[in-house]
C-alpha atoms as a PDB file:
ATOM      1  CA  MET A   1       0.327   0.068  -0.166  1.00  0.00           C
ATOM      2  CA  ILE A   2       2.865   2.279   0.988  1.00  0.00           C
ATOM      3  CA  LYS A   3       4.163   2.015  -2.662  1.00  0.00           C
ATOM      4  CA  VAL A   4       1.210   2.569  -4.307  1.00  0.00           C
ATOM      5  CA  ILE A   5       0.868   5.689  -2.436  1.00  0.00           C
ATOM      6  CA  ASP A   6       4.309   6.617  -3.161  1.00  0.00           C
ATOM      7  CA  LYS A   7       3.712   6.004  -6.819  1.00  0.00           C
ATOM      8  CA  ALA A   8       0.655   8.317  -6.552  1.00  0.00           C
ATOM      9  CA  PHE A   9       2.276  10.988  -5.118  1.00  0.00           C
ATOM     10  CA  LYS A  10       5.351  11.047  -7.821  1.00  0.00           C
ATOM     11  CA  ILE A  11       2.732  11.070 -10.650  1.00  0.00           C
ATOM     12  CA  ILE A  12       0.709  13.884  -9.226  1.00  0.00           C
ATOM     13  CA  GLU A  13       4.415  16.023  -8.838  1.00  0.00           C
ATOM     14  CA  TYR A  14       5.297  14.863 -12.007  1.00  0.00           C
ATOM     15  CA  ILE A  15       2.038  16.088 -13.680  1.00  0.00           C
ATOM     16  CA  ALA A  16       2.103  19.190 -11.478  1.00  0.00           C
ATOM     17  CA  SER A  17       5.682  20.131 -12.399  1.00  0.00           C
ATOM     18  CA  ARG A  18       4.549  20.127 -16.299  1.00  0.00           C
ATOM     19  CA  ASN A  19       2.591  23.646 -15.781  1.00  0.00           C
ATOM     20  CA  ASP A  20      -1.187  23.127 -16.701  1.00  0.00           C
ATOM     21  CA  THR A  21       0.482  20.729 -19.805  1.00  0.00           C
ATOM     22  CA  SER A  22      -0.970  17.496 -20.059  1.00  0.00           C
ATOM     23  CA  VAL A  23       1.020  14.443 -19.827  1.00  0.00           C
ATOM     24  CA  ALA A  24       0.484  11.075 -21.732  1.00  0.00           C
ATOM     25  CA  PRO A  25       0.471   7.497 -19.550  1.00  0.00           C
ATOM     26  CA  GLY A  26       3.637   6.545 -21.584  1.00  0.00           C
ATOM     27  CA  GLU A  27       5.270   9.577 -20.684  1.00  0.00           C
ATOM     28  CA  LEU A  28       4.834   9.175 -17.222  1.00  0.00           C
ATOM     29  CA  ALA A  29       5.605   5.306 -16.837  1.00  0.00           C
ATOM     30  CA  ALA A  30       8.758   6.058 -18.748  1.00  0.00           C
ATOM     31  CA  ALA A  31       9.880   9.003 -16.601  1.00  0.00           C
ATOM     32  CA  LEU A  32       8.812   7.772 -13.116  1.00  0.00           C
ATOM     33  CA  LYS A  33      10.143   4.127 -14.228  1.00  0.00           C
ATOM     34  CA  LEU A  34       6.736   2.710 -13.642  1.00  0.00           C
ATOM     35  CA  ASN A  35       5.664  -0.710 -15.059  1.00  0.00           C
ATOM     36  CA  HIS A  36       2.461   0.629 -17.809  1.00  0.00           C
ATOM     37  CA  PRO A  37      -0.021  -1.250 -16.576  1.00  0.00           C
ATOM     38  CA  THR A  38       0.471  -0.435 -12.745  1.00  0.00           C
ATOM     39  CA  CYS A  39       0.848   3.602 -14.252  1.00  0.00           C
ATOM     40  CA  ILE A  40      -2.567   2.696 -15.949  1.00  0.00           C
ATOM     41  CA  ARG A  41      -4.260   1.777 -12.656  1.00  0.00           C
ATOM     42  CA  ILE A  42      -3.414   4.337 -10.393  1.00  0.00           C
ATOM     43  CA  LEU A  43      -3.950   7.052 -12.993  1.00  0.00           C
ATOM     44  CA  LYS A  44      -7.506   5.408 -13.329  1.00  0.00           C
ATOM     45  CA  ASN A  45      -7.926   5.518  -9.435  1.00  0.00           C
ATOM     46  CA  MET A  46      -6.666   9.455  -9.112  1.00  0.00           C
ATOM     47  CA  VAL A  47      -9.438  10.132 -11.916  1.00  0.00           C
ATOM     48  CA  GLU A  48     -12.186   8.317 -10.143  1.00  0.00           C
ATOM     49  CA  LEU A  49     -10.998  10.442  -6.985  1.00  0.00           C
ATOM     50  CA  GLY A  50     -10.768  13.706  -8.298  1.00  0.00           C
ATOM     51  CA  TYR A  51      -7.176  14.311  -8.264  1.00  0.00           C
ATOM     52  CA  LEU A  52      -6.547  14.089 -11.767  1.00  0.00           C
ATOM     53  CA  VAL A  53      -8.564  14.712 -15.083  1.00  0.00           C
ATOM     54  CA  GLN A  54      -8.213  12.927 -18.422  1.00  0.00           C
ATOM     55  CA  ILE A  55      -8.094  15.080 -21.260  1.00  0.00           C
ATOM     56  CA  SER A  56      -8.142  12.786 -23.708  1.00  0.00           C
ATOM     57  CA  ARG A  57      -6.486   9.438 -24.784  1.00  0.00           C
ATOM     58  CA  GLN A  58      -4.002  11.037 -26.843  1.00  0.00           C
ATOM     59  CA  LYS A  59      -3.000  14.156 -24.566  1.00  0.00           C
ATOM     60  CA  GLY A  60      -3.368  12.452 -21.303  1.00  0.00           C
ATOM     61  CA  TYR A  61      -3.725  13.836 -18.225  1.00  0.00           C
ATOM     62  CA  VAL A  62      -3.971  17.377 -16.068  1.00  0.00           C
ATOM     63  CA  LEU A  63      -4.403  18.018 -12.347  1.00  0.00           C
ATOM     64  CA  GLY A  64      -7.958  17.724 -11.124  1.00  0.00           C
ATOM     65  CA  PRO A  65     -10.112  20.034  -8.427  1.00  0.00           C
ATOM     66  CA  MET A  66      -9.063  17.908  -5.753  1.00  0.00           C
ATOM     67  CA  SER A  67      -5.507  18.397  -6.041  1.00  0.00           C
ATOM     68  CA  PHE A  68      -5.985  22.151  -6.059  1.00  0.00           C
ATOM     69  CA  ALA A  69      -8.154  22.188  -3.149  1.00  0.00           C
ATOM     70  CA  ILE A  70      -5.513  20.403  -1.166  1.00  0.00           C
ATOM     71  CA  ALA A  71      -2.856  22.977  -2.429  1.00  0.00           C
ATOM     72  CA  GLY A  72      -4.272  25.673  -0.825  1.00  0.00           C
ATOM     73  CA  GLY A  73      -3.359  28.357  -3.351  1.00  0.00           C
ATOM     74  CA  LYS A  74      -3.531  28.186  -7.031  1.00  0.00           C
ATOM     75  CA  ARG A  75      -7.459  27.105  -7.945  1.00  0.00           C
ATOM     76  CA  TYR A  76      -8.664  24.610 -10.430  1.00  0.00           C
ATOM     77  CA  MET A  77      -8.507  26.069 -13.992  1.00  0.00           C
ATOM     78  CA  GLN A  78      -7.004  29.542 -12.523  1.00  0.00           C
ATOM     79  CA  THR A  79      -6.535  31.097 -15.630  1.00  0.00           C
ATOM     80  CA  GLN A  80     -10.048  30.641 -16.736  1.00  0.00           C
ATOM     81  CA  ILE A  81     -11.574  31.602 -13.457  1.00  0.00           C
ATOM     82  CA  ASP A  82      -9.303  35.120 -13.635  1.00  0.00           C
ATOM     83  CA  ILE A  83     -11.285  35.867 -16.745  1.00  0.00           C
ATOM     84  CA  ALA A  84     -14.689  34.475 -15.974  1.00  0.00           C
ATOM     85  CA  GLU A  85     -14.864  36.039 -12.018  1.00  0.00           C
ATOM     86  CA  PRO A  86     -15.239  39.661 -13.033  1.00  0.00           C
ATOM     87  CA  ILE A  87     -17.877  39.197 -15.671  1.00  0.00           C
ATOM     88  CA  ILE A  88     -19.787  37.065 -13.274  1.00  0.00           C
ATOM     89  CA  LYS A  89     -19.612  39.297 -10.850  1.00  0.00           C
ATOM     90  CA  ALA A  90     -20.884  42.281 -13.271  1.00  0.00           C
ATOM     91  CA  CYS A  91     -23.751  40.381 -14.195  1.00  0.00           C
ATOM     92  CA  ALA A  92     -24.883  39.521 -10.854  1.00  0.00           C
ATOM     93  CA  GLU A  93     -24.611  43.106  -9.571  1.00  0.00           C
ATOM     94  CA  GLU A  94     -26.614  44.428 -12.523  1.00  0.00           C
ATOM     95  CA  THR A  95     -29.234  41.355 -12.423  1.00  0.00           C
ATOM     96  CA  LYS A  96     -29.067  41.453  -8.719  1.00  0.00           C
ATOM     97  CA  GLN A  97     -29.574  37.698  -8.396  1.00  0.00           C
ATOM     98  CA  PHE A  98     -26.773  34.771  -7.708  1.00  0.00           C
ATOM     99  CA  LEU A  99     -24.747  33.592 -10.426  1.00  0.00           C
ATOM    100  CA  LEU A 100     -21.985  30.389 -10.310  1.00  0.00           C
ATOM    101  CA  LEU A 101     -19.518  28.599 -12.456  1.00  0.00           C
ATOM    102  CA  ALA A 102     -19.371  25.410 -12.335  1.00  0.00           C
ATOM    103  CA  VAL A 103     -17.692  21.948 -13.900  1.00  0.00           C
ATOM    104  CA  ARG A 104     -18.488  18.436 -13.453  1.00  0.00           C
ATOM    105  CA  HIS A 105     -15.781  15.473 -12.663  1.00  0.00           C
ATOM    106  CA  LYS A 106     -17.366  11.819 -12.601  1.00  0.00           C
ATOM    107  CA  GLU A 107     -20.809  12.288 -10.413  1.00  0.00           C
ATOM    108  CA  ARG A 108     -19.886  15.773  -8.717  1.00  0.00           C
ATOM    109  CA  ARG A 109     -20.459  19.180  -9.093  1.00  0.00           C
ATOM    110  CA  TYR A 110     -17.512  21.271  -8.558  1.00  0.00           C
ATOM    111  CA  ILE A 111     -18.194  24.968  -7.994  1.00  0.00           C
ATOM    112  CA  LEU A 112     -15.116  26.708  -9.274  1.00  0.00           C
ATOM    113  CA  CYS A 113     -16.444  30.391  -8.195  1.00  0.00           C
ATOM    114  CA  SER A 114     -19.820  32.347  -7.762  1.00  0.00           C
ATOM    115  CA  HIS A 115     -21.358  35.890  -6.443  1.00  0.00           C
ATOM    116  CA  ASN A 116     -24.515  37.006  -4.812  1.00  0.00           C
ATOM    117  CA  GLY A 117     -25.625  39.962  -6.079  1.00  0.00           C
ATOM    118  CA  ASN A 118     -28.320  39.993  -4.118  1.00  0.00           C
ATOM    119  CA  SER A 119     -28.282  39.605  -0.021  1.00  0.00           C
ATOM    120  CA  SER A 120     -31.887  38.505   0.394  1.00  0.00           C
ATOM    121  CA  LEU A 121     -31.103  35.534  -1.480  1.00  0.00           C
ATOM    122  CA  ASN A 122     -29.890  33.068   1.243  1.00  0.00           C
ATOM    123  CA  ILE A 123     -27.300  30.347  -1.095  1.00  0.00           C
ATOM    124  CA  ASN A 124     -24.099  29.073   0.360  1.00  0.00           C
ATOM    125  CA  VAL A 125     -21.615  27.134  -1.774  1.00  0.00           C
ATOM    126  CA  ASN A 126     -18.844  26.672   0.929  1.00  0.00           C
ATOM    127  CA  LYS A 127     -18.170  23.183  -0.072  1.00  0.00           C
ATOM    128  CA  LEU A 128     -15.791  21.921  -2.807  1.00  0.00           C
ATOM    129  CA  TRP A 129     -18.110  19.580  -4.632  1.00  0.00           C
ATOM    130  CA  TYR A 130     -21.932  18.761  -4.392  1.00  0.00           C
ATOM    131  CA  ASP A 131     -23.321  15.531  -4.988  1.00  0.00           C
ATOM    132  CA  ASP A 132     -26.675  16.932  -6.585  1.00  0.00           C
ATOM    133  CA  LEU A 133     -26.445  16.998 -10.600  1.00  0.00           C
ATOM    134  CA  TYR A 134     -30.234  16.221 -11.109  1.00  0.00           C
ATOM    135  CA  GLU A 135     -31.129  19.037  -8.460  1.00  0.00           C
ATOM    136  CA  PHE A 136     -30.336  21.973 -10.229  1.00  0.00           C
ATOM    137  CA  ALA A 137     -29.734  23.827 -13.640  1.00  0.00           C
ATOM    138  CA  SER A 138     -26.338  23.535 -13.627  1.00  0.00           C
ATOM    139  CA  GLY A 139     -25.733  20.038 -12.744  1.00  0.00           C
ATOM    140  CA  ARG A 140     -28.781  19.598 -15.516  1.00  0.00           C
ATOM    141  CA  LEU A 141     -26.918  21.144 -18.198  1.00  0.00           C
ATOM    142  CA  LEU A 142     -23.327  19.675 -16.921  1.00  0.00           C
ATOM    143  CA  LEU A 143     -25.609  16.137 -17.787  1.00  0.00           C
ATOM    144  CA  ALA A 144     -26.582  17.293 -21.102  1.00  0.00           C
ATOM    145  CA  TYR A 145     -23.053  17.563 -22.186  1.00  0.00           C
ATOM    146  CA  ALA A 146     -21.563  14.735 -20.933  1.00  0.00           C
ATOM    147  CA  SER A 147     -20.112  11.893 -23.095  1.00  0.00           C
ATOM    148  CA  GLU A 148     -22.479   8.887 -23.731  1.00  0.00           C
ATOM    149  CA  ASP A 149     -19.871   6.671 -21.355  1.00  0.00           C
ATOM    150  CA  ASP A 150     -20.081   8.929 -18.616  1.00  0.00           C
ATOM    151  CA  LEU A 151     -23.871   9.218 -18.214  1.00  0.00           C
ATOM    152  CA  ALA A 152     -24.346   5.485 -18.380  1.00  0.00           C
ATOM    153  CA  TRP A 153     -21.668   5.766 -15.384  1.00  0.00           C
ATOM    154  CA  ILE A 154     -23.442   8.356 -13.476  1.00  0.00           C
ATOM    155  CA  LEU A 155     -26.483   6.251 -14.218  1.00  0.00           C
ATOM    156  CA  LYS A 156     -25.155   3.181 -12.752  1.00  0.00           C
ATOM    157  CA  LYS A 157     -23.735   4.533  -9.789  1.00  0.00           C
ATOM    158  CA  LYS A 158     -26.308   7.313  -8.668  1.00  0.00           C
ATOM    159  CA  GLY A 159     -29.379   5.534 -10.246  1.00  0.00           C
ATOM    160  CA  LEU A 160     -32.275   7.814 -11.926  1.00  0.00           C
ATOM    161  CA  PRO A 161     -33.075  10.804 -10.040  1.00  0.00           C
ATOM    162  CA  SER A 162     -35.769  10.683  -7.114  1.00  0.00           C
ATOM    163  CA  PHE A 163     -38.961  12.659  -7.561  1.00  0.00           C
ATOM    164  CA  ASP A 164     -38.092  15.375  -5.014  1.00  0.00           C
ATOM    165  CA  GLU A 165     -34.833  15.481  -7.221  1.00  0.00           C
ATOM    166  CA  TRP A 166     -36.251  15.500 -10.625  1.00  0.00           C
ATOM    167  CA  GLN A 167     -39.802  14.766 -11.089  1.00  0.00           C
ATOM    168  CA  ASP A 168     -39.783  14.865 -14.812  1.00  0.00           C
ATOM    169  CA  ALA A 169     -37.156  12.154 -15.353  1.00  0.00           C
ATOM    170  CA  ILE A 170     -37.441   9.702 -12.905  1.00  0.00           C
ATOM    171  CA  ALA A 171     -37.568   7.292 -15.834  1.00  0.00           C
ATOM    172  CA  GLU A 172     -34.410   6.734 -18.316  1.00  0.00           C
ATOM    173  CA  LYS A 173     -36.248   7.148 -21.524  1.00  0.00           C
ATOM    174  CA  ASP A 174     -37.737  10.950 -20.061  1.00  0.00           C
ATOM    175  CA  MET A 175     -33.916  11.949 -18.985  1.00  0.00           C
ATOM    176  CA  ASN A 176     -32.560  11.058 -22.166  1.00  0.00           C
ATOM    177  CA  ASN A 177     -35.236  13.181 -24.088  1.00  0.00           C
ATOM    178  CA  ILE A 178     -34.484  16.133 -21.453  1.00  0.00           C
ATOM    179  CA  LEU A 179     -30.809  16.311 -21.802  1.00  0.00           C
ATOM    180  CA  ASN A 180     -31.564  16.208 -25.704  1.00  0.00           C
ATOM    181  CA  GLU A 181     -33.850  18.673 -25.638  1.00  0.00           C
ATOM    182  CA  ILE A 182     -31.512  21.384 -22.924  1.00  0.00           C
ATOM    183  CA  ARG A 183     -28.445  20.796 -25.828  1.00  0.00           C
ATOM    184  CA  LYS A 184     -30.815  21.857 -28.596  1.00  0.00           C
ATOM    185  CA  VAL A 185     -32.001  25.157 -26.622  1.00  0.00           C
ATOM    186  CA  GLY A 186     -29.238  25.675 -25.175  1.00  0.00           C
ATOM    187  CA  PHE A 187     -30.463  25.965 -21.633  1.00  0.00           C
ATOM    188  CA  ALA A 188     -31.207  24.083 -18.464  1.00  0.00           C
ATOM    189  CA  THR A 189     -33.681  25.080 -15.449  1.00  0.00           C
ATOM    190  CA  ASN A 190     -34.851  24.077 -12.054  1.00  0.00           C
ATOM    191  CA  GLU A 191     -37.669  25.578 -10.008  1.00  0.00           C
ATOM    192  CA  SER A 192     -38.086  25.770  -6.454  1.00  0.00           C
ATOM    193  CA  PRO A 193     -40.974  27.457  -4.389  1.00  0.00           C
ATOM    194  CA  PHE A 194     -38.702  30.410  -3.978  1.00  0.00           C
ATOM    195  CA  HIS A 195     -36.452  30.442  -6.969  1.00  0.00           C
ATOM    196  CA  VAL A 196     -35.680  29.854 -10.458  1.00  0.00           C
ATOM    197  CA  GLY A 197     -32.548  28.390 -11.733  1.00  0.00           C
ATOM    198  CA  ILE A 198     -31.191  28.865 -15.553  1.00  0.00           C
ATOM    199  CA  ALA A 199     -27.951  27.482 -16.692  1.00  0.00           C
ATOM    200  CA  CYS A 200     -26.145  27.965 -20.042  1.00  0.00           C
ATOM    201  CA  PRO A 201     -23.129  26.350 -21.730  1.00  0.00           C
ATOM    202  CA  ILE A 202     -19.495  28.303 -21.776  1.00  0.00           C
ATOM    203  CA  PHE A 203     -17.092  26.583 -24.613  1.00  0.00           C
ATOM    204  CA  VAL A 204     -13.761  26.991 -24.458  1.00  0.00           C
ATOM    205  CA  ASN A 205     -12.437  26.989 -28.350  1.00  0.00           C
ATOM    206  CA  GLU A 206     -15.774  25.062 -29.241  1.00  0.00           C
ATOM    207  CA  VAL A 207     -15.567  22.376 -26.508  1.00  0.00           C
ATOM    208  CA  PHE A 208     -18.168  22.533 -23.692  1.00  0.00           C
ATOM    209  CA  THR A 209     -16.402  23.306 -20.229  1.00  0.00           C
ATOM    210  CA  PHE A 210     -18.430  24.876 -17.694  1.00  0.00           C
ATOM    211  CA  ALA A 211     -21.742  25.434 -16.586  1.00  0.00           C
ATOM    212  CA  LEU A 212     -23.024  28.914 -16.102  1.00  0.00           C
ATOM    213  CA  SER A 213     -25.921  29.347 -13.785  1.00  0.00           C
ATOM    214  CA  ILE A 214     -28.295  31.936 -12.131  1.00  0.00           C
ATOM    215  CA  THR A 215     -30.783  31.816  -9.396  1.00  0.00           C
ATOM    216  CA  VAL A 216     -33.454  34.287  -9.600  1.00  0.00           C
ATOM    217  CA  ASP A 217     -35.582  35.327  -6.788  1.00  0.00           C
ATOM    218  CA  LYS A 218     -39.232  34.464  -7.708  1.00  0.00           C
ATOM    219  CA  SER A 219     -40.667  37.651  -6.519  1.00  0.00           C
ATOM    220  CA  ASP A 220     -37.889  39.680  -8.698  1.00  0.00           C
ATOM    221  CA  ILE A 221     -39.931  37.949 -12.128  1.00  0.00           C
ATOM    222  CA  SER A 222     -42.893  40.008 -11.502  1.00  0.00           C
ATOM    223  CA  LYS A 223     -40.384  43.232 -12.016  1.00  0.00           C
ATOM    224  CA  LYS A 224     -38.619  41.525 -14.753  1.00  0.00           C
ATOM    225  CA  SER A 225     -39.602  38.536 -17.001  1.00  0.00           C
ATOM    226  CA  LEU A 226     -37.915  35.654 -16.812  1.00  0.00           C
ATOM    227  CA  GLU A 227     -36.727  36.111 -20.364  1.00  0.00           C
ATOM    228  CA  PHE A 228     -34.761  38.810 -19.151  1.00  0.00           C
ATOM    229  CA  TYR A 229     -32.821  36.713 -17.103  1.00  0.00           C
ATOM    230  CA  LEU A 230     -32.390  34.369 -19.556  1.00  0.00           C
ATOM    231  CA  ASN A 231     -30.698  36.833 -22.078  1.00  0.00           C
ATOM    232  CA  LYS A 232     -28.489  37.895 -19.508  1.00  0.00           C
ATOM    233  CA  ILE A 233     -27.110  34.831 -18.987  1.00  0.00           C
ATOM    234  CA  LYS A 234     -26.680  33.510 -21.973  1.00  0.00           C
ATOM    235  CA  MET A 235     -25.033  37.211 -22.961  1.00  0.00           C
ATOM    236  CA  THR A 236     -22.538  36.640 -20.153  1.00  0.00           C
ATOM    237  CA  ALA A 237     -22.060  32.963 -21.122  1.00  0.00           C
ATOM    238  CA  LYS A 238     -20.867  33.972 -24.333  1.00  0.00           C
ATOM    239  CA  SER A 239     -18.863  36.625 -23.250  1.00  0.00           C
ATOM    240  CA  ILE A 240     -16.858  34.141 -21.131  1.00  0.00           C
ATOM    241  CA  SER A 241     -16.705  31.885 -23.868  1.00  0.00           C
ATOM    242  CA  ASN A 242     -15.244  34.284 -26.418  1.00  0.00           C
ATOM    243  CA  GLN A 243     -12.303  35.458 -23.727  1.00  0.00           C
ATOM    244  CA  CYS A 244     -11.266  32.158 -22.584  1.00  0.00           C
ATOM    245  CA  SER A 245     -11.237  30.622 -26.021  1.00  0.00           C
ATOM    246  CA  ASN A 246      -8.713  33.428 -26.292  1.00  0.00           C
ATOM    247  CA  ILE A 247      -5.907  31.193 -24.456  1.00  0.00           C
ATOM    248  CA  ASN A 248      -4.664  27.822 -24.357  1.00  0.00           C
ATOM    249  CA  THR A 249      -3.733  26.434 -20.945  1.00  0.00           C
ATOM    250  CA  VAL A 250      -6.142  23.152 -20.295  1.00  0.00           C
ATOM    251  CA  GLY A 251      -5.495  23.019 -16.591  1.00  0.00           C
END
């Protein structure tokens, strides 16, 4: 067990030393003098735990959100967050609502940044990750853009949503239809007794990367239509997409 832990830390250290450049398994195995099947097995386990993210089979791996959480300094996808954060804050202050930026890793929703423009909205996102993909607009959007393999894995691990989590998607056929519709219209929603959530996709170099969501106090919908908030979140997502696509960092 100690030897496996030692190998796992060496893998993290090597990938961290590459400064946001992805590392292929073959390079890792050669550089660290690891047996290739052993290296692959450790990489798979560390992806499942959130310490690494596999960009693709060809490009390999970068550090995942859990690696940044224990680092106590630089955040996961720091370069993109630095671009997105002031844009998100401006939209939250203009609309006087709550905005957040999220990514998915396996079955978890990770909150990268958020801003509350409405002090009466009592929303806390103080945890690193949430197991709530079914319940909120950003989680549903993240599911809609998941690969078929990832979606199958999530359903196997979590099962279908309960009625309380997502009443319209308690059957797999219904869920698939809803996810297809989300991709078609370009946004996802959820509704609670007091709030309405809307989430839109952010694409970096035409690749889906983030979910941007706004939580609207229902009492404000009588003052400004839901269409107003949908248009604002779409415009904000597009602005972040455009600005993030001008950089090349993947980590």
